[in-house]
Structures are given as structure tokens and as C-alpha cells.
């Protein structure tokens, strides 16, 4: 009985993870989000560095 109960619990856990993973976007979305947020950050750091070097 315990083995059957553990099997059922494992089945439910696997079903839960399949449901969660089905809602995650594909890896291209993460790459696009990285580009959208990281490139403006780099540009702002570059201009801050240029402005600070000009002040010195």
C-alpha cells in the first residue's frame, strides 16, 4: 500500500511540474528580455563613464 501511495504522489508531482513548465516561455524570450534590459544599461554606463572622465 505504501509503494502504491508513493507512486501516486510521484505521478501527481510530475503532472504538477509538467503544468508549471507548460506556462514558461521559450528560451528566445529570455534572450530578448536580456537584450532589451542589458544593452540600455551598458549604454547608460558608457555615457556615465564618458561624462565622469570629461569632468576630471
C-alpha atoms as a PDB file:
ATOM      1  CA  UNK A   1       0.000   0.000   0.000  1.00  0.00           C
ATOM      2  CA  UNK A   2       2.843   2.399   0.811  1.00  0.00           C
ATOM      3  CA  UNK A   3       4.513   1.753  -2.563  1.00  0.00           C
ATOM      4  CA  UNK A   4       1.251   2.462  -4.379  1.00  0.00           C
ATOM      5  CA  UNK A   5       0.833   5.682  -2.397  1.00  0.00           C
ATOM      6  CA  UNK A   6       4.396   6.804  -3.236  1.00  0.00           C
ATOM      7  CA  UNK A   7       3.770   6.032  -6.905  1.00  0.00           C
ATOM      8  CA  UNK A   8       0.618   8.140  -6.875  1.00  0.00           C
ATOM      9  CA  UNK A   9       2.422  11.023  -5.174  1.00  0.00           C
ATOM     10  CA  UNK A  10       5.233  10.878  -7.748  1.00  0.00           C
ATOM     11  CA  UNK A  11       2.646  10.859 -10.546  1.00  0.00           C
ATOM     12  CA  UNK A  12       0.990  13.973  -9.091  1.00  0.00           C
ATOM     13  CA  UNK A  13       4.347  15.748  -8.680  1.00  0.00           C
ATOM     14  CA  UNK A  14       5.345  15.009 -12.287  1.00  0.00           C
ATOM     15  CA  UNK A  15       1.944  16.209 -13.517  1.00  0.00           C
ATOM     16  CA  UNK A  16       2.346  19.409 -11.479  1.00  0.00           C
ATOM     17  CA  UNK A  17       5.817  20.115 -12.940  1.00  0.00           C
ATOM     18  CA  UNK A  18       4.580  19.483 -16.498  1.00  0.00           C
ATOM     19  CA  UNK A  19       1.797  22.001 -15.883  1.00  0.00           C
ATOM     20  CA  UNK A  20       4.220  24.595 -14.486  1.00  0.00           C
ATOM     21  CA  UNK A  21       6.728  24.130 -17.317  1.00  0.00           C
ATOM     22  CA  UNK A  22       3.994  24.457 -19.935  1.00  0.00           C
ATOM     23  CA  UNK A  23       3.438  28.058 -18.777  1.00  0.00           C
ATOM     24  CA  UNK A  24       7.112  29.052 -19.095  1.00  0.00           C
ATOM     25  CA  UNK A  25       8.087  30.859 -22.298  1.00  0.00           C
ATOM     26  CA  UNK A  26      10.679  29.526 -24.699  1.00  0.00           C
ATOM     27  CA  UNK A  27      14.356  30.395 -24.303  1.00  0.00           C
ATOM     28  CA  UNK A  28      14.231  33.029 -27.074  1.00  0.00           C
ATOM     29  CA  UNK A  29      12.020  35.172 -24.856  1.00  0.00           C
ATOM     30  CA  UNK A  30      14.667  35.161 -22.121  1.00  0.00           C
ATOM     31  CA  UNK A  31      17.362  36.161 -24.637  1.00  0.00           C
ATOM     32  CA  UNK A  32      15.210  39.020 -25.927  1.00  0.00           C
ATOM     33  CA  UNK A  33      14.493  40.235 -22.392  1.00  0.00           C
ATOM     34  CA  UNK A  34      18.213  40.153 -21.601  1.00  0.00           C
ATOM     35  CA  UNK A  35      18.981  42.223 -24.698  1.00  0.00           C
ATOM     36  CA  UNK A  36      16.172  44.710 -24.023  1.00  0.00           C
ATOM     37  CA  UNK A  37      17.324  45.394 -20.462  1.00  0.00           C
ATOM     38  CA  UNK A  38      21.085  44.871 -20.656  1.00  0.00           C
ATOM     39  CA  UNK A  39      22.000  46.951 -23.737  1.00  0.00           C
ATOM     40  CA  UNK A  40      20.397  50.195 -22.431  1.00  0.00           C
ATOM     41  CA  UNK A  41      22.152  49.552 -19.109  1.00  0.00           C
ATOM     42  CA  UNK A  42      25.502  49.261 -20.897  1.00  0.00           C
ATOM     43  CA  UNK A  43      24.816  52.420 -22.907  1.00  0.00           C
ATOM     44  CA  UNK A  44      23.956  54.375 -19.748  1.00  0.00           C
ATOM     45  CA  UNK A  45      27.128  53.136 -18.027  1.00  0.00           C
ATOM     46  CA  UNK A  46      29.194  54.160 -21.059  1.00  0.00           C
ATOM     47  CA  UNK A  47      27.759  57.675 -21.062  1.00  0.00           C
ATOM     48  CA  UNK A  48      28.217  57.985 -17.293  1.00  0.00           C
ATOM     49  CA  UNK A  49      31.849  56.985 -17.665  1.00  0.00           C
ATOM     50  CA  UNK A  50      32.337  59.455 -20.527  1.00  0.00           C
ATOM     51  CA  UNK A  51      30.726  62.247 -18.527  1.00  0.00           C
ATOM     52  CA  UNK A  52      32.819  61.482 -15.453  1.00  0.00           C
ATOM     53  CA  UNK A  53      36.054  61.358 -17.436  1.00  0.00           C
ATOM     54  CA  UNK A  54      35.141  64.706 -19.054  1.00  0.00           C
ATOM     55  CA  UNK A  55      34.657  66.303 -15.604  1.00  0.00           C
ATOM     56  CA  UNK A  56      38.139  65.252 -14.419  1.00  0.00           C
END
